[in-house]
Structure formats: C-alpha cells, structure tokens
Protein backbone atom coordinates (compact mmCIF):
# COMPACT_ATOMS: atom_id res chain seq x y z
CA MET A 1 0.00 0.00 0.00
CA SER A 2 1.29 3.44 -0.94
CA LYS A 3 1.82 6.32 1.50
CA TYR A 4 -0.45 8.43 -0.70
CA GLN A 5 -3.88 7.69 -2.15
CA ARG A 6 -4.98 9.00 -5.55
CA ILE A 7 -8.63 9.92 -6.02
CA LEU A 8 -10.09 10.93 -9.40
CA LEU A 9 -12.13 14.11 -8.93
CA ALA A 10 -13.04 15.02 -12.50
CA VAL A 11 -12.23 14.66 -16.19
CA GLU A 12 -12.51 17.76 -18.38
CA ASN A 13 -11.67 17.70 -22.10
CA GLY A 14 -9.43 14.69 -21.54
CA VAL A 15 -7.64 16.29 -18.56
CA LYS A 16 -7.85 14.21 -15.37
CA PHE A 17 -7.91 16.06 -12.03
CA ILE A 18 -6.61 13.72 -9.32
CA LEU A 19 -6.59 14.42 -5.59
CA VAL A 20 -3.44 13.14 -3.88
CA ALA A 21 -3.70 12.81 -0.09
CA PRO A 22 -1.99 10.78 2.68
CA SER A 23 -3.17 7.21 3.08
CA SER A 24 -3.81 5.51 6.43
CA ILE A 25 -0.21 4.21 6.61
CA ASN A 26 1.38 7.64 6.07
CA ASN A 27 3.28 8.65 9.22
CA ASP A 28 5.07 11.68 7.76
CA LYS A 29 5.29 14.62 10.15
CA TYR A 30 4.15 17.04 7.44
CA PRO A 31 2.25 15.04 4.78
CA LEU A 32 1.39 16.73 1.51
CA TYR A 33 -1.95 17.34 -0.20
CA TRP A 34 -2.44 18.42 -3.81
CA ILE A 35 -4.55 18.17 -6.95
CA GLU A 36 -2.59 16.76 -9.86
CA TYR A 37 -3.31 17.13 -13.56
CA PHE A 38 -1.50 17.20 -16.88
CA ALA A 39 -1.89 20.35 -18.98
CA ASN A 40 0.19 22.11 -21.56
CA GLY A 41 2.45 19.06 -21.74
CA LYS A 42 3.40 19.33 -18.07
CA GLN A 43 2.40 17.76 -14.78
CA VAL A 44 0.90 20.36 -12.46
CA LYS A 45 0.61 19.97 -8.67
CA TYR A 46 -1.90 22.47 -7.26
CA LYS A 47 -1.64 22.82 -3.45
CA ASP A 48 -3.37 26.10 -2.59
CA GLY A 49 -6.02 25.35 0.08
CA VAL A 50 -6.19 21.64 -0.78
CA LYS A 51 -5.07 20.47 2.65
CA GLN A 52 -7.61 22.66 4.45
CA LEU A 53 -10.49 21.41 2.27
CA TYR A 54 -9.51 17.76 2.64
CA LEU A 55 -9.18 18.01 6.44
CA SER A 56 -12.61 19.68 6.62
CA TRP A 57 -14.20 16.72 4.80
CA ASP A 58 -16.61 14.75 6.99
CA GLY A 59 -15.88 11.45 5.21
CA LYS A 60 -19.42 11.14 3.93
CA THR A 61 -19.92 13.97 1.46
CA ASP A 62 -18.83 13.33 -2.11
CA LEU A 63 -15.28 14.68 -2.45
CA LYS A 64 -16.16 16.08 -5.87
CA HIS A 65 -18.63 18.37 -4.13
CA VAL A 66 -16.09 19.39 -1.46
CA PHE A 67 -13.60 20.44 -4.14
CA GLU A 68 -16.20 21.84 -6.53
CA SER A 69 -15.03 25.47 -6.37
CA LYS A 70 -11.35 24.49 -6.68
CA LEU A 71 -12.07 22.27 -9.67
CA ALA A 72 -14.08 25.02 -11.36
CA LYS A 73 -11.11 27.39 -11.03
CA LEU A 74 -8.64 24.82 -12.37
CA LYS A 75 -10.90 23.81 -15.26
CA ASP A 76 -11.38 27.45 -16.22
CA GLY A 77 -7.63 28.04 -16.15
CA VAL A 78 -6.91 24.99 -18.30
CA SER A 79 -9.63 26.05 -20.73
CA LYS A 80 -8.22 29.57 -21.03
CA LEU A 81 -4.73 28.21 -21.61
CA ALA A 82 -6.02 25.86 -24.31
CA SER A 83 -7.85 28.69 -26.08
CA GLY A 84 -4.77 30.86 -25.84
CA GLU A 85 -2.71 28.22 -27.66
CA ARG A 86 -4.87 28.39 -30.80
CA TYR A 87 -2.73 31.05 -32.46
CA LYS A 88 -0.59 29.61 -35.21
CA ILE A 89 3.14 30.22 -35.29
CA THR A 90 4.97 29.36 -38.51
CA MET A 91 8.54 29.67 -39.75
CA PHE A 92 7.47 32.96 -41.36
CA SER A 93 6.17 34.53 -38.13
CA GLY A 94 8.00 37.61 -36.90
CA VAL A 95 10.47 37.00 -34.06
CA MET A 96 9.24 40.12 -32.22
CA GLU A 97 5.67 38.82 -32.40
CA ILE A 98 6.83 35.39 -31.17
CA ALA A 99 8.62 36.98 -28.20
CA GLY A 100 5.36 38.69 -27.26
CA LEU A 101 3.40 35.44 -27.53
CA PHE A 102 6.01 33.68 -25.39
CA MET A 103 5.46 36.29 -22.67
CA LYS A 104 1.70 35.81 -23.02
CA TYR A 105 2.25 32.08 -22.49
CA HIS A 106 4.06 32.77 -19.19
CA LYS A 107 1.25 35.08 -18.06
CA GLN A 108 -1.20 32.23 -18.68
CA ARG A 109 1.03 29.87 -16.69
CA HIS A 110 1.00 32.42 -13.88
CA GLN A 111 -2.82 32.50 -13.95
CA LEU A 112 -2.78 28.70 -13.68
CA GLU A 113 -0.35 29.02 -10.75
CA GLU A 114 2.23 26.86 -12.52
CA ILE A 115 4.64 29.68 -11.65
CA GLN A 116 4.32 31.88 -8.55
CA ASP A 117 6.04 35.07 -9.66
CA ILE A 118 5.94 36.65 -13.11
CA TYR A 119 8.41 39.45 -12.33
CA ASN A 120 11.61 37.80 -13.64
CA TYR A 121 9.89 36.71 -16.85
CA THR A 122 8.63 40.26 -17.39
CA GLU A 123 12.09 41.77 -16.89
CA ARG A 124 13.73 39.29 -19.29
CA HIS A 125 11.03 39.88 -21.88
CA LYS A 126 11.61 43.66 -21.68
CA LYS A 127 15.30 43.24 -22.47
CA LEU A 128 14.66 40.76 -25.30
CA SER A 129 11.90 42.83 -26.93
CA GLY A 130 14.01 45.99 -26.57
CA PHE A 131 16.90 44.32 -28.40
CA LEU A 132 14.69 42.96 -31.19
CA ALA A 133 12.96 46.32 -31.67
CA ALA A 134 16.33 48.06 -31.94
CA GLN A 135 18.18 45.62 -34.21
CA TYR A 136 15.92 42.92 -35.66
CA LYS A 137 12.46 44.45 -35.91
CA ASP A 138 11.50 42.71 -39.18
CA LEU A 139 13.27 39.38 -38.60
CA VAL A 140 11.21 36.25 -39.25
CA LEU A 141 11.75 32.90 -37.58
CA GLN A 142 13.11 31.24 -40.74
CA ASP A 143 15.98 33.76 -40.86
CA LEU A 144 16.88 33.45 -37.17
CA THR A 145 20.51 32.33 -36.69
CA ALA A 146 22.94 31.92 -33.81
CA ASN A 147 24.55 35.24 -34.81
CA VAL A 148 21.44 37.04 -33.58
CA TRP A 149 22.15 35.79 -30.06
CA VAL A 150 25.82 36.80 -30.32
CA ASP A 151 24.54 40.31 -31.04
CA TYR A 152 22.08 39.98 -28.13
CA ARG A 153 24.87 39.15 -25.69
CA THR A 154 26.84 42.15 -26.93
CA TYR A 155 23.72 44.31 -26.50
CA LEU A 156 23.28 43.10 -22.90
CA LYS A 157 26.97 43.68 -22.15
CA GLN A 158 26.60 47.27 -23.37
CA LEU A 159 23.77 47.72 -20.86
CA GLY A 160 26.35 47.06 -18.14
CA LEU A 161 24.94 43.69 -17.07
CA GLY A 162 27.21 41.12 -15.40
CA ASN A 163 28.01 37.76 -16.96
CA SER A 164 25.75 35.85 -14.57
CA THR A 165 22.77 38.07 -15.49
CA ILE A 166 23.51 37.68 -19.20
CA ASN A 167 23.66 33.89 -18.75
CA LEU A 168 20.15 34.01 -17.21
CA GLN A 169 18.92 36.00 -20.21
CA MET A 170 20.28 33.27 -22.49
CA VAL A 171 18.48 30.64 -20.41
CA TYR A 172 15.28 32.57 -21.23
CA VAL A 173 16.20 32.37 -24.92
CA SER A 174 16.76 28.60 -24.59
CA GLN A 175 13.31 28.30 -23.00
CA LEU A 176 11.89 30.13 -26.01
CA TYR A 177 13.42 27.50 -28.31
CA ILE A 178 11.99 24.66 -26.21
CA TRP A 179 8.55 26.29 -26.37
CA LEU A 180 8.75 26.61 -30.15
CA SER A 181 10.00 23.05 -30.60
CA ASP A 182 8.04 21.06 -28.02
CA ILE A 183 4.74 22.94 -27.87
CA HIS A 184 4.45 24.41 -31.35
CA GLU A 185 6.37 21.54 -32.95
CA LEU A 186 8.43 23.73 -35.26
CA PRO A 187 11.55 22.23 -36.89
CA ILE A 188 13.94 24.82 -35.49
CA PRO A 189 17.47 24.16 -34.14
CA ASN A 190 18.41 25.52 -30.72
CA HIS A 191 20.93 28.17 -31.73
CA ALA A 192 21.41 29.20 -28.09
CA LYS A 193 23.16 25.89 -27.42
CA LYS A 194 26.00 27.03 -29.67
CA LEU A 195 26.89 29.76 -27.18
CA LYS A 196 29.04 28.89 -24.18
CA LYS A 197 28.22 30.33 -20.78
CA LEU A 198 30.08 33.50 -19.93
CA ASP A 199 32.64 32.94 -17.18
CA ILE A 200 31.40 34.83 -14.13
CA SER A 201 34.81 34.60 -12.48
CA LYS A 202 36.27 36.80 -15.25
CA GLN A 203 33.76 39.62 -14.96
CA GLN A 204 34.60 42.82 -13.17
CA PRO A 205 33.60 42.27 -9.53
CA LYS A 206 30.67 44.39 -8.37
CA PHE A 207 31.22 45.33 -4.76
CA ASN A 208 27.78 46.65 -3.85
CA GLU A 209 28.94 47.41 -0.34
CA ILE A 210 26.74 49.71 1.73
CA ASP A 211 28.48 52.64 3.41
CA SER A 212 29.10 51.81 7.09
CA LYS A 213 27.24 54.86 8.45
CA LEU A 214 24.27 54.25 6.15
CA PHE A 215 24.28 50.55 7.07
CA ASP A 216 24.13 51.33 10.81
CA GLU A 217 21.51 54.04 10.33
CA PHE A 218 19.28 51.69 8.35
CA PHE A 219 19.05 49.10 11.12
CA GLU A 220 18.55 51.81 13.74
CA VAL A 221 15.56 53.12 11.77
CA VAL A 222 13.85 49.77 11.13
CA ALA A 223 14.44 48.61 14.72
CA ARG A 224 12.72 51.56 16.42
CA ASP A 225 9.36 51.30 14.59
CA ASP A 226 7.32 48.10 14.29
CA ARG A 227 5.86 49.39 11.03
CA TYR A 228 9.09 48.13 9.51
CA LEU A 229 9.10 44.78 11.30
CA ARG A 230 8.96 42.77 8.07
CA LEU A 231 11.68 44.85 6.43
CA ASN A 232 13.82 44.47 9.56
CA LEU A 233 13.40 40.67 9.42
CA MET A 234 14.12 40.51 5.69
CA THR A 235 17.30 42.60 5.81
CA ARG A 236 18.62 40.93 8.98
CA LEU A 237 18.34 37.45 7.49
CA VAL A 238 19.91 38.68 4.24
CA ALA A 239 22.75 40.45 6.08
CA GLU A 240 23.36 38.12 9.02
CA ASN A 241 22.72 34.77 7.30
CA THR A 242 23.25 35.85 3.66
CA LEU A 243 19.91 34.40 2.58
CA ARG A 244 18.39 35.37 -0.75
CA PRO A 245 15.26 37.55 -0.44
CA ILE A 246 13.11 34.82 -2.02
CA GLN A 247 14.22 32.40 0.72
CA VAL A 248 13.01 34.84 3.36
CA ARG A 249 9.68 35.45 1.61
CA GLU A 250 9.07 31.69 1.38
CA LEU A 251 10.00 31.03 5.02
CA GLN A 252 7.20 29.10 6.76
CA VAL A 253 6.30 28.57 10.41
CA ALA A 254 7.21 24.87 10.13
CA ASP A 255 10.77 25.87 9.15
CA VAL A 256 11.39 27.83 12.36
CA ASN A 257 12.54 26.45 15.72
CA LEU A 258 12.80 29.35 18.15
CA ASP A 259 13.85 27.05 21.01
CA THR A 260 17.14 26.32 19.26
CA ASN A 261 17.39 29.57 17.23
CA GLN A 262 17.42 27.48 14.05
CA ILE A 263 15.72 27.82 10.69
CA LYS A 264 15.56 25.23 7.93
CA ILE A 265 16.17 26.80 4.54
CA TYR A 266 15.67 25.21 1.15
CA ASP A 267 18.58 26.00 -1.13
CA GLY A 268 17.08 26.11 -4.63
CA LYS A 269 20.49 26.23 -6.31
CA GLY A 270 21.94 23.36 -4.30
CA LYS A 271 18.60 21.48 -4.36
CA ARG A 272 18.79 20.66 -0.66
CA ASP A 273 17.78 21.84 2.81
CA ARG A 274 20.28 23.45 5.15
CA ILE A 275 20.10 24.71 8.74
CA ILE A 276 21.01 28.25 9.75
CA ILE A 277 21.38 29.64 13.27
CA ILE A 278 19.71 33.02 13.72
CA SER A 279 20.60 35.88 16.04
CA ASP A 280 18.57 36.72 19.15
CA GLU A 281 17.37 39.91 17.43
CA THR A 282 15.99 37.92 14.50
CA LYS A 283 14.36 35.46 16.90
CA ASP A 284 12.61 38.33 18.70
CA ILE A 285 11.23 39.70 15.42
CA ILE A 286 9.78 36.32 14.43
CA GLN A 287 8.29 35.91 17.90
CA LYS A 288 6.59 39.32 17.54
CA ILE A 289 5.03 38.24 14.24
CA LEU A 290 3.72 35.03 15.82
CA ASP A 291 2.36 36.99 18.81
CA ASN A 292 0.65 39.49 16.50
CA THR A 293 -1.10 36.61 14.76
CA LEU A 294 -2.31 35.16 18.07
CA LYS A 295 -3.70 38.57 19.08
CA THR A 296 -6.12 38.36 16.15
CA ASN A 297 -7.47 35.04 17.54
CA ARG A 298 -5.75 33.09 14.79
CA ILE A 299 -3.27 30.32 15.59
CA PRO A 300 -0.35 30.34 13.12
CA ASP A 301 -0.53 27.23 10.93
CA LYS A 302 2.69 25.35 10.23
CA GLU A 303 2.21 26.10 6.54
CA ASP A 304 1.76 29.86 7.13
CA TYR A 305 4.44 32.14 5.74
CA ILE A 306 6.30 34.26 8.31
CA ILE A 307 6.12 37.44 6.24
CA GLY A 308 2.51 38.48 5.72
CA PHE A 309 0.10 41.39 6.01
CA SER A 310 -0.08 43.60 9.13
CA ASN A 311 3.07 41.99 10.63
CA GLN A 312 1.28 38.64 10.95
CA THR A 313 1.84 35.24 9.37
CA LYS A 314 0.27 34.71 5.96
CA PRO A 315 -1.69 31.61 4.89
CA ASN A 316 -1.93 30.12 1.38
CA LYS A 317 0.73 32.00 -0.63
CA PRO A 318 3.96 33.87 0.11
CA PHE A 319 4.57 37.50 -0.80
CA THR A 320 5.83 37.83 -4.36
CA GLN A 321 8.87 39.94 -5.15
CA SER A 322 6.70 42.72 -6.59
CA MET A 323 4.32 42.65 -3.57
CA PHE A 324 7.18 43.01 -1.09
CA ARG A 325 8.74 45.81 -3.11
CA GLU A 326 5.53 47.78 -3.65
CA ARG A 327 3.96 47.29 -0.20
CA ILE A 328 7.02 47.42 2.04
CA VAL A 329 10.23 48.64 0.39
CA MET A 330 8.91 51.54 -1.72
CA PRO A 331 6.85 53.22 1.06
CA PHE A 332 9.88 52.93 3.36
CA LYS A 333 12.17 54.58 0.82
CA GLU A 334 9.66 57.36 0.24
CA GLU A 335 9.77 58.14 3.96
CA PHE A 336 13.56 57.76 4.18
CA PRO A 337 15.03 58.84 0.81
CA GLN A 338 18.60 58.45 2.10
CA PHE A 339 18.16 54.68 1.55
CA GLU A 340 16.81 55.04 -1.99
CA SER A 341 19.88 53.54 -3.68
CA ILE A 342 20.09 50.48 -1.39
CA LEU A 343 18.80 47.17 -2.76
CA LEU A 344 17.92 44.14 -0.62
CA TYR A 345 20.72 42.15 -2.26
CA ASP A 346 23.22 44.83 -1.24
CA PHE A 347 22.94 43.61 2.36
CA LYS A 348 24.10 40.16 1.22
CA HIS A 349 26.96 41.58 -0.83
CA THR A 350 28.02 43.80 2.08
CA SER A 351 27.90 40.88 4.51
CA ILE A 352 30.02 38.57 2.35
CA THR A 353 32.55 41.26 1.49
CA ARG A 354 33.11 42.28 5.11
CA ALA A 355 33.16 38.69 6.36
CA PHE A 356 36.50 38.14 4.61
CA GLN A 357 38.09 40.23 7.34
CA VAL A 358 37.20 37.70 10.05
CA HIS A 359 36.21 34.37 8.42
CA SER A 360 37.81 31.85 6.07
CA LEU A 361 36.75 31.45 2.46
CA TYR A 362 35.17 28.05 3.24
CA GLU A 363 33.14 29.44 6.16
CA ILE A 364 31.83 32.30 4.02
CA GLN A 365 30.98 29.96 1.13
CA LYS A 366 29.01 27.70 3.47
CA ARG A 367 27.10 30.59 5.05
CA ALA A 368 26.36 32.18 1.67
CA GLY A 369 25.13 28.88 0.21
CA HIS A 370 27.33 29.24 -2.87
CA ALA A 371 27.74 26.05 -4.91
CA LYS A 372 31.21 27.09 -6.11
CA VAL A 373 34.05 28.67 -4.19
CA THR A 374 34.80 30.83 -7.25
CA THR A 375 31.49 32.64 -6.70
CA THR A 376 32.43 33.47 -3.11
CA SER A 377 35.97 34.53 -3.99
CA ILE A 378 34.60 37.32 -6.23
CA TYR A 379 33.84 39.25 -3.03
CA ASP A 380 37.39 38.89 -1.65
CA ARG A 381 38.98 42.33 -1.77
CA SER A 382 42.03 41.43 0.30
CA GLN A 383 45.51 41.34 -1.18
CA LEU A 384 46.86 37.96 -2.28
CA ILE A 385 49.46 37.66 0.48
CA SER A 386 50.18 34.35 2.22
CA ARG A 387 52.66 33.34 4.90
CA PRO A 388 55.04 30.39 4.39
CA ILE A 389 54.88 26.98 6.02
CA THR A 390 58.44 26.52 7.22
CA VAL A 391 60.48 23.36 6.70
CA LYS A 392 60.38 22.86 10.47
CA GLU A 393 56.57 23.05 10.50
CA LEU A 394 56.34 20.61 7.58
CA SER A 395 58.62 18.20 9.40
CA GLU A 396 56.52 18.37 12.54
CA ILE A 397 53.34 17.72 10.52
CA GLY A 398 54.92 14.56 9.09
C-alpha cells in the first residue's frame, strides 16, 4: 500500500484532475496534499487550500462536491490556456511577435499558478523585446541564426549587465526555443546551445557594499518602529545569514525552531535543505510576528508564511517579489530617501565582502550557500598575500 492515495475528482476535455492525499499508513510529520493534472504538456501539482479542504471533509460527502469550487477554477484556467494556444506560429512569423506570444504564455502559466512570480519573466522579456525592436524588428523565424544571439549578448553587455545576469537571459532564450520546438512543434534548431556560458569569475567584480554609516543608520531606523518589522526581518536574514530575499519570503512557520534559534532553509540552487542559526534579534522579530497573529485570535498554521500582512503570518501563498517591493520597500524609501539607492541584495553583498576580514573562504561559502568557491571569492577584496609553512613546520606535521 502506498503512503499516498490517488482519487479521481473530475475529467474535463481529456484532462484528469486527481486528488493526492496521505493514506492511512502515512506517518510523515508534514504530509502533503495536492490536486494533480497534466496540462500544456506538463504535470501540475496544485496545493493552494487543498489540505484545508480535505481536512474539513466529513468522510461522507462526495469529495467532488467538497472540491467543486477548486475544480471550477482549475478547469477554467486549463480552458483559457487551451484557447490561448490556438494562435498559429509558422517559420514565417515575426520573431518580435513570437517573443510577445512567449510572454503571453508565461502570463497564462501564472494564472494557472504553474509559476508563482511573473516578475523575472517580465524583466527578461523587456530586455529581449528591446533588443529585437532596436536591431531585428523585421526578422522572421526562418531567418533566425545563432549570430542574432551573439549580437544579443553584446547588447546586454553594453547595458552594463554582469556575466551571470547575461547567462540568465540566455536561459530565457533557450526556453523560447523549447517552447517553439516542443509545444508548437516547429523544426527549429536551438541556436542558443551554440553559445558557451560567460565565465562569471572573469567579470569585473561588483562590490555593492553599503556605506558603514548608512548601514548602521538603516538598522537603527527599522528597529525603532514596528511598522518596519517585516523589512527588519528581511534585511537581517539577508545580512546576518546571507539568505536570498526569495528564501526569506518563502520562510514558513514549520521551518522555524525558536527554542534552538534554528531555521531550515531550502537552497534552490543546491537542491537541498540546510540549517542556519539566527541571532537573538531575528528570533525576537519572528516571535513578535507570531504573537501578532495570536492577538487576532488566529493560531499560526505550520504552513503559514512568516512574512505576511499587518506583521502577521500569511496563509496560502507567500509574498511575491513585486508585492514586497511595492507594499514594504517603496513606502519605506519614500519616507527615508537616504536609503533610496540600497537594494535588498546589497545587504548580502556587504555581509560577504566584510566577512572576509574575520572568516575563512570556506566558512563564508558555506554561510552564503554558494555552490562554487569561485562565486564566493569574487567578493574577496584582500591582497593575495600568504605566509610560508616553514620546513620545520612541515617536518613536525609529518
């Protein structure tokens, strides 16, 4: 018997919607619940509110009725996506038009909740469409060659982007080719594969280090007013534990152990969980957020996200990058314009750069969660001076 049971809820236009829930033999501490279906050539696992609905089931009512509203939403989304795919792309379609349709495809995926945040796709589309409008406005798909992407990389370099950012733009281009080949079934070679990744270790290091006085003033400001509690938590975890902002936004109650001052973090790049030890100040901020939630007569659920509205935990979905920026960061900068130029990532860069004065390269790499030591070494601004190991010391080691 499997740890999970699969229950067919509905079939719509050949798409099967299957509820996946823990079986009677499942002893997992945090079992999962989701609705699974195949659409757009991909397997989708929809989790939003599924656990709550299933646990509210009395065991007698037809499950199809319990999930009726959820199914209606999913069916509508699949239907809209299917209707949106009816446009015909040929080898004589304009590349600019195709880029726009590719962005439309991602917006539809966002509506289906296949992807949580559309911001990065929007930013990459802006750069791609800007390049095409400037240099290849009338280019059709049949005439697209690898040289176009050589020109695109040059265009991005002229914008002052780093090699790692340019590599991500080329990943977006590769995704465009996959979309054309796998979904629209066009006989087009993947020209992007002909381009090697740019070596990030050879790019000019960008030391986005915050001025010491401004750094100190920032934390004094956010600490003295609970209106900035969420911003205080975000920047402390980024600065003290060098987390990425997305890791903080996706932090859930179940990940936090305040008794041991530990947080479990999922490292998306390393594809694994890791444990970080937080400061007492960070612990106090999280405790305040949990207390605020209790004051509203709501017990924080283990699946709640720590950063939410009104300095309380947030059920269902985490803050997106654009939500955090528009609701928290921008109002703060309007009130304190001296911090206008500071980005959230600058706290991470500042932390890593300064840590070289007191910690080893390995310690910093581990804390930063970098997969490669070459990534960490970019932040090392110290002179390459090393002391000798004497013959006497070598003899004693032997």
